[in-house]
């Protein structure tokens, strides 16, 4: 029979040092998304009357291409971080939790790569 409390067992072991990095990445990606999304909304609104060639020419500009790739990468990384928190908070069984985390990370990378390749194909005339 062990009379130690869980806090007594954990005291002195230090932190896992993983949560702070995750928290910072969520905040930094959220801050990065503010100007990126505002830029994107403003540009799409200004292109509302344009045809396909106008939008293609806009995407082909180097600055626009870089900004769209950044937007896609940051959106999917931020989404993956948020979904990871939800999964860790609401799925208590370890096997389903690990499976869900792997699926979310895989899908985030897959969708980001698909989006980035699509922008690059449009930008380079593919």
N, C-alpha and C. Protein backbone atom coordinates (compact mmCIF):
# COMPACT_ATOMS: atom_id res chain seq x y z
N UNK A 1 0.83 -1.17 0.00
CA UNK A 1 0.00 0.00 0.00
C UNK A 1 0.89 1.25 0.00
N UNK A 2 0.63 2.12 -0.98
CA UNK A 2 1.42 3.33 -1.12
C UNK A 2 0.59 4.53 -0.67
N UNK A 3 1.10 5.26 0.30
CA UNK A 3 0.38 6.41 0.82
C UNK A 3 0.81 7.72 0.18
N UNK A 4 1.67 7.66 -0.82
CA UNK A 4 2.12 8.87 -1.50
C UNK A 4 1.03 9.41 -2.41
N UNK A 5 0.91 10.70 -2.43
CA UNK A 5 -0.04 11.33 -3.35
C UNK A 5 0.63 11.51 -4.72
N UNK A 6 -0.17 11.65 -5.77
CA UNK A 6 0.43 11.85 -7.11
C UNK A 6 1.33 13.08 -7.17
N UNK A 7 1.01 14.13 -6.43
CA UNK A 7 1.85 15.34 -6.46
C UNK A 7 3.21 15.07 -5.83
N UNK A 8 3.25 14.25 -4.79
CA UNK A 8 4.51 13.90 -4.14
C UNK A 8 5.39 13.10 -5.11
N UNK A 9 4.76 12.24 -5.90
CA UNK A 9 5.51 11.44 -6.85
C UNK A 9 6.06 12.31 -7.98
N UNK A 10 5.31 13.30 -8.41
CA UNK A 10 5.71 14.14 -9.53
C UNK A 10 6.63 15.28 -9.13
N UNK A 11 6.60 15.70 -7.89
CA UNK A 11 7.39 16.85 -7.45
C UNK A 11 8.89 16.58 -7.63
N UNK A 12 9.57 17.55 -8.19
CA UNK A 12 11.01 17.42 -8.38
C UNK A 12 11.41 16.84 -9.72
N UNK A 13 10.44 16.36 -10.49
CA UNK A 13 10.79 15.77 -11.78
C UNK A 13 10.94 16.83 -12.87
N UNK A 14 10.46 18.03 -12.64
CA UNK A 14 10.55 19.08 -13.65
C UNK A 14 9.43 18.95 -14.67
N UNK A 15 9.40 19.90 -15.57
CA UNK A 15 8.35 19.89 -16.59
C UNK A 15 8.81 19.06 -17.79
N UNK A 16 7.84 18.70 -18.61
CA UNK A 16 8.16 17.95 -19.82
C UNK A 16 8.75 18.89 -20.88
N UNK A 17 8.57 20.20 -20.71
CA UNK A 17 9.09 21.23 -21.59
C UNK A 17 8.57 21.15 -23.01
N UNK A 18 7.45 20.49 -23.21
CA UNK A 18 6.87 20.38 -24.55
C UNK A 18 5.69 21.32 -24.70
N UNK A 19 4.97 21.56 -23.64
CA UNK A 19 3.76 22.38 -23.71
C UNK A 19 4.03 23.83 -24.03
N UNK A 20 5.12 24.38 -23.53
CA UNK A 20 5.43 25.78 -23.76
C UNK A 20 5.71 26.03 -25.23
N UNK A 21 6.46 25.15 -25.86
CA UNK A 21 6.75 25.29 -27.29
C UNK A 21 5.47 25.23 -28.11
N UNK A 22 4.62 24.29 -27.78
CA UNK A 22 3.34 24.14 -28.48
C UNK A 22 2.51 25.41 -28.30
N UNK A 23 2.43 25.93 -27.10
CA UNK A 23 1.67 27.14 -26.80
C UNK A 23 2.22 28.32 -27.60
N UNK A 24 3.54 28.48 -27.62
CA UNK A 24 4.15 29.57 -28.37
C UNK A 24 3.89 29.45 -29.86
N UNK A 25 3.98 28.26 -30.40
CA UNK A 25 3.75 28.06 -31.84
C UNK A 25 2.30 28.41 -32.21
N UNK A 26 1.36 28.04 -31.34
CA UNK A 26 -0.04 28.41 -31.60
C UNK A 26 -0.20 29.92 -31.64
N UNK A 27 0.42 30.61 -30.69
CA UNK A 27 0.29 32.07 -30.64
C UNK A 27 0.99 32.73 -31.80
N UNK A 28 2.20 32.27 -32.13
CA UNK A 28 2.95 32.88 -33.24
C UNK A 28 2.26 32.65 -34.59
N UNK A 29 1.72 31.46 -34.80
CA UNK A 29 1.02 31.21 -36.06
C UNK A 29 -0.28 32.02 -36.13
N UNK A 30 -0.93 32.20 -34.99
CA UNK A 30 -2.15 33.02 -34.97
C UNK A 30 -1.81 34.47 -35.32
N UNK A 31 -0.72 34.98 -34.76
CA UNK A 31 -0.29 36.35 -35.07
C UNK A 31 0.10 36.47 -36.54
N UNK A 32 0.79 35.46 -37.07
CA UNK A 32 1.19 35.49 -38.48
C UNK A 32 -0.02 35.42 -39.41
N UNK A 33 -1.06 34.73 -38.98
CA UNK A 33 -2.25 34.61 -39.82
C UNK A 33 -3.03 35.91 -39.97
N UNK A 34 -2.94 36.79 -39.00
CA UNK A 34 -3.71 38.04 -39.07
C UNK A 34 -3.34 38.84 -40.33
N UNK A 35 -2.09 39.22 -40.54
CA UNK A 35 -1.78 39.98 -41.76
C UNK A 35 -1.93 39.14 -43.03
N UNK A 36 -1.62 37.86 -42.96
CA UNK A 36 -1.74 37.02 -44.15
C UNK A 36 -3.18 36.91 -44.62
N UNK A 37 -4.10 36.69 -43.69
CA UNK A 37 -5.51 36.56 -44.05
C UNK A 37 -6.08 37.91 -44.50
N UNK A 38 -5.69 38.99 -43.82
CA UNK A 38 -6.15 40.31 -44.25
C UNK A 38 -5.67 40.63 -45.66
N UNK A 39 -4.40 40.33 -45.94
CA UNK A 39 -3.86 40.53 -47.28
C UNK A 39 -4.63 39.71 -48.31
N UNK A 40 -4.88 38.44 -47.99
CA UNK A 40 -5.57 37.55 -48.92
C UNK A 40 -7.00 38.03 -49.18
N UNK A 41 -7.72 38.40 -48.13
CA UNK A 41 -9.10 38.86 -48.30
C UNK A 41 -9.14 40.14 -49.12
N UNK A 42 -8.24 41.07 -48.84
CA UNK A 42 -8.18 42.31 -49.61
C UNK A 42 -7.90 42.03 -51.09
N UNK A 43 -6.94 41.14 -51.36
CA UNK A 43 -6.59 40.83 -52.75
C UNK A 43 -7.72 40.11 -53.48
N UNK A 44 -8.34 39.16 -52.82
CA UNK A 44 -9.44 38.44 -53.46
C UNK A 44 -10.61 39.38 -53.72
N UNK A 45 -10.86 40.29 -52.81
CA UNK A 45 -11.94 41.27 -53.02
C UNK A 45 -11.63 42.18 -54.20
N UNK A 46 -10.37 42.55 -54.35
CA UNK A 46 -10.01 43.41 -55.48
C UNK A 46 -10.02 42.66 -56.81
N UNK A 47 -9.94 41.34 -56.76
CA UNK A 47 -9.97 40.53 -57.98
C UNK A 47 -11.36 39.98 -58.29
N UNK A 48 -12.37 40.43 -57.58
CA UNK A 48 -13.70 39.83 -57.69
C UNK A 48 -14.29 39.90 -59.10
N UNK A 49 -13.98 40.92 -59.87
CA UNK A 49 -14.53 41.02 -61.22
C UNK A 49 -13.63 40.45 -62.29
N UNK A 50 -12.48 39.94 -61.90
CA UNK A 50 -11.50 39.45 -62.87
C UNK A 50 -11.82 38.07 -63.40
N UNK A 51 -11.28 37.78 -64.57
CA UNK A 51 -11.44 36.46 -65.15
C UNK A 51 -10.28 35.55 -64.72
N UNK A 52 -10.25 34.35 -65.28
CA UNK A 52 -9.23 33.37 -64.92
C UNK A 52 -7.82 33.89 -65.20
N UNK A 53 -7.63 34.52 -66.34
CA UNK A 53 -6.30 35.00 -66.72
C UNK A 53 -5.81 36.10 -65.77
N UNK A 54 -6.72 36.92 -65.30
CA UNK A 54 -6.35 37.98 -64.35
C UNK A 54 -5.86 37.37 -63.04
N UNK A 55 -6.60 36.39 -62.55
CA UNK A 55 -6.21 35.73 -61.30
C UNK A 55 -4.91 34.96 -61.49
N UNK A 56 -4.77 34.29 -62.63
CA UNK A 56 -3.54 33.54 -62.91
C UNK A 56 -2.33 34.48 -62.97
N UNK A 57 -2.50 35.63 -63.59
CA UNK A 57 -1.42 36.61 -63.66
C UNK A 57 -1.08 37.12 -62.25
N UNK A 58 -2.09 37.30 -61.41
CA UNK A 58 -1.87 37.75 -60.04
C UNK A 58 -1.08 36.71 -59.24
N UNK A 59 -1.48 35.44 -59.37
CA UNK A 59 -0.79 34.36 -58.65
C UNK A 59 0.64 34.20 -59.17
N UNK A 60 0.88 34.53 -60.42
CA UNK A 60 2.21 34.38 -61.03
C UNK A 60 3.21 35.42 -60.55
N UNK A 61 2.75 36.48 -59.92
CA UNK A 61 3.68 37.48 -59.40
C UNK A 61 4.47 36.87 -58.24
N UNK A 62 5.80 37.08 -58.20
CA UNK A 62 6.63 36.43 -57.16
C UNK A 62 6.17 36.72 -55.73
N UNK A 63 5.84 37.97 -55.43
CA UNK A 63 5.40 38.30 -54.08
C UNK A 63 4.12 37.56 -53.72
N UNK A 64 3.19 37.51 -54.65
CA UNK A 64 1.92 36.83 -54.41
C UNK A 64 2.13 35.34 -54.21
N UNK A 65 2.98 34.75 -55.03
CA UNK A 65 3.26 33.31 -54.90
C UNK A 65 3.83 32.99 -53.53
N UNK A 66 4.80 33.78 -53.10
CA UNK A 66 5.41 33.55 -51.78
C UNK A 66 4.38 33.73 -50.66
N UNK A 67 3.57 34.77 -50.77
CA UNK A 67 2.56 35.01 -49.73
C UNK A 67 1.52 33.90 -49.68
N UNK A 68 1.10 33.39 -50.83
CA UNK A 68 0.13 32.29 -50.85
C UNK A 68 0.72 31.02 -50.26
N UNK A 69 1.98 30.72 -50.58
CA UNK A 69 2.63 29.54 -50.02
C UNK A 69 2.75 29.69 -48.50
N UNK A 70 3.14 30.88 -48.04
CA UNK A 70 3.21 31.12 -46.59
C UNK A 70 1.84 30.97 -45.93
N UNK A 71 0.82 31.52 -46.56
CA UNK A 71 -0.54 31.42 -46.01
C UNK A 71 -0.96 29.96 -45.88
N UNK A 72 -0.75 29.18 -46.90
CA UNK A 72 -1.15 27.77 -46.87
C UNK A 72 -0.38 27.02 -45.78
N UNK A 73 0.93 27.23 -45.72
CA UNK A 73 1.75 26.52 -44.74
C UNK A 73 1.34 26.89 -43.31
N UNK A 74 1.16 28.17 -43.06
CA UNK A 74 0.82 28.61 -41.70
C UNK A 74 -0.59 28.17 -41.31
N UNK A 75 -1.54 28.22 -42.25
CA UNK A 75 -2.91 27.80 -41.95
C UNK A 75 -2.95 26.33 -41.53
N UNK A 76 -2.29 25.47 -42.29
CA UNK A 76 -2.36 24.05 -41.96
C UNK A 76 -1.55 23.70 -40.72
N UNK A 77 -0.45 24.40 -40.47
CA UNK A 77 0.31 24.16 -39.25
C UNK A 77 -0.50 24.60 -38.03
N UNK A 78 -1.11 25.77 -38.13
CA UNK A 78 -1.94 26.28 -37.03
C UNK A 78 -3.14 25.35 -36.77
N UNK A 79 -3.77 24.89 -37.83
CA UNK A 79 -4.91 23.98 -37.69
C UNK A 79 -4.48 22.68 -37.04
N UNK A 80 -3.34 22.16 -37.44
CA UNK A 80 -2.83 20.91 -36.85
C UNK A 80 -2.55 21.08 -35.37
N UNK A 81 -1.97 22.21 -35.00
CA UNK A 81 -1.70 22.47 -33.58
C UNK A 81 -3.00 22.54 -32.77
N UNK A 82 -3.99 23.22 -33.31
CA UNK A 82 -5.27 23.33 -32.62
C UNK A 82 -5.99 22.00 -32.49
N UNK A 83 -5.99 21.23 -33.56
CA UNK A 83 -6.63 19.91 -33.50
C UNK A 83 -5.90 18.98 -32.56
N UNK A 84 -4.59 19.12 -32.46
CA UNK A 84 -3.82 18.30 -31.53
C UNK A 84 -4.28 18.56 -30.09
N UNK A 85 -4.50 19.81 -29.74
CA UNK A 85 -4.96 20.15 -28.39
C UNK A 85 -6.34 19.54 -28.14
N UNK A 86 -7.23 19.66 -29.11
CA UNK A 86 -8.58 19.11 -28.95
C UNK A 86 -8.52 17.59 -28.77
N UNK A 87 -7.72 16.92 -29.58
CA UNK A 87 -7.60 15.46 -29.49
C UNK A 87 -7.03 15.06 -28.14
N UNK A 88 -5.97 15.74 -27.70
CA UNK A 88 -5.36 15.39 -26.42
C UNK A 88 -6.30 15.66 -25.25
N UNK A 89 -7.17 16.66 -25.38
CA UNK A 89 -8.09 16.99 -24.30
C UNK A 89 -9.30 16.07 -24.23
N UNK A 90 -9.78 15.61 -25.38
CA UNK A 90 -11.07 14.91 -25.41
C UNK A 90 -11.00 13.42 -25.72
N UNK A 91 -9.87 12.91 -26.14
CA UNK A 91 -9.73 11.47 -26.34
C UNK A 91 -8.78 10.96 -25.27
N UNK A 92 -9.33 10.21 -24.32
CA UNK A 92 -8.52 9.78 -23.18
C UNK A 92 -7.80 8.46 -23.41
N UNK A 93 -8.36 7.59 -24.24
CA UNK A 93 -7.70 6.30 -24.49
C UNK A 93 -6.47 6.54 -25.37
N UNK A 94 -5.36 5.93 -25.01
CA UNK A 94 -4.08 6.21 -25.65
C UNK A 94 -4.02 5.78 -27.12
N UNK A 95 -4.51 4.59 -27.44
CA UNK A 95 -4.41 4.10 -28.82
C UNK A 95 -5.23 4.96 -29.80
N UNK A 96 -6.51 5.25 -29.51
CA UNK A 96 -7.25 6.14 -30.42
C UNK A 96 -6.67 7.55 -30.47
N UNK A 97 -6.14 8.02 -29.35
CA UNK A 97 -5.54 9.34 -29.32
C UNK A 97 -4.32 9.40 -30.24
N UNK A 98 -3.45 8.43 -30.14
CA UNK A 98 -2.25 8.38 -30.98
C UNK A 98 -2.64 8.25 -32.45
N UNK A 99 -3.62 7.41 -32.73
CA UNK A 99 -4.08 7.24 -34.11
C UNK A 99 -4.63 8.54 -34.67
N UNK A 100 -5.45 9.23 -33.89
CA UNK A 100 -6.03 10.50 -34.34
C UNK A 100 -4.94 11.55 -34.55
N UNK A 101 -3.96 11.61 -33.67
CA UNK A 101 -2.87 12.57 -33.82
C UNK A 101 -2.07 12.31 -35.09
N UNK A 102 -1.79 11.05 -35.37
CA UNK A 102 -1.03 10.70 -36.58
C UNK A 102 -1.84 11.04 -37.82
N UNK A 103 -3.13 10.73 -37.82
CA UNK A 103 -3.98 11.03 -38.98
C UNK A 103 -4.07 12.53 -39.21
N UNK A 104 -4.24 13.30 -38.15
CA UNK A 104 -4.34 14.76 -38.28
C UNK A 104 -3.04 15.34 -38.83
N UNK A 105 -1.90 14.90 -38.31
CA UNK A 105 -0.62 15.40 -38.80
C UNK A 105 -0.41 15.02 -40.26
N UNK A 106 -0.72 13.79 -40.61
CA UNK A 106 -0.57 13.33 -41.98
C UNK A 106 -1.46 14.13 -42.93
N UNK A 107 -2.72 14.31 -42.56
CA UNK A 107 -3.65 15.06 -43.42
C UNK A 107 -3.26 16.53 -43.54
N UNK A 108 -2.75 17.12 -42.47
CA UNK A 108 -2.32 18.52 -42.53
C UNK A 108 -1.15 18.68 -43.49
N UNK A 109 -0.19 17.79 -43.41
CA UNK A 109 0.95 17.85 -44.33
C UNK A 109 0.49 17.59 -45.76
N UNK A 110 -0.35 16.59 -45.95
CA UNK A 110 -0.83 16.25 -47.29
C UNK A 110 -1.58 17.42 -47.92
N UNK A 111 -2.50 18.01 -47.18
CA UNK A 111 -3.29 19.12 -47.73
C UNK A 111 -2.42 20.36 -47.97
N UNK A 112 -1.45 20.61 -47.10
CA UNK A 112 -0.55 21.75 -47.31
C UNK A 112 0.28 21.54 -48.57
N UNK A 113 0.79 20.34 -48.76
CA UNK A 113 1.59 20.05 -49.96
C UNK A 113 0.73 20.18 -51.22
N UNK A 114 -0.49 19.68 -51.18
CA UNK A 114 -1.40 19.80 -52.33
C UNK A 114 -1.66 21.27 -52.65
N UNK A 115 -1.93 22.08 -51.63
CA UNK A 115 -2.18 23.50 -51.85
C UNK A 115 -0.96 24.24 -52.38
N UNK A 116 0.20 23.95 -51.83
CA UNK A 116 1.43 24.61 -52.28
C UNK A 116 1.77 24.21 -53.70
N UNK A 117 1.63 22.93 -54.02
CA UNK A 117 1.90 22.48 -55.40
C UNK A 117 0.91 23.14 -56.37
N UNK A 118 -0.34 23.28 -55.98
CA UNK A 118 -1.33 23.93 -56.84
C UNK A 118 -0.94 25.39 -57.12
N UNK A 119 -0.53 26.11 -56.07
CA UNK A 119 -0.11 27.50 -56.27
C UNK A 119 1.12 27.56 -57.17
N UNK A 120 2.08 26.68 -56.95
CA UNK A 120 3.30 26.70 -57.76
C UNK A 120 3.01 26.34 -59.21
N UNK A 121 2.10 25.41 -59.44
CA UNK A 121 1.73 25.06 -60.82
C UNK A 121 1.09 26.24 -61.54
N UNK A 122 0.21 26.95 -60.83
CA UNK A 122 -0.41 28.13 -61.43
C UNK A 122 0.63 29.21 -61.67
N UNK A 123 1.51 29.41 -60.67
CA UNK A 123 2.52 30.48 -60.77
C UNK A 123 3.50 30.23 -61.91
N UNK A 124 3.86 28.99 -62.13
CA UNK A 124 4.86 28.68 -63.16
C UNK A 124 4.24 28.21 -64.45
N UNK A 125 2.93 28.37 -64.59
CA UNK A 125 2.27 28.10 -65.84
C UNK A 125 2.06 26.63 -66.17
N UNK A 126 1.99 25.79 -65.14
CA UNK A 126 1.82 24.36 -65.37
C UNK A 126 0.42 23.92 -65.60
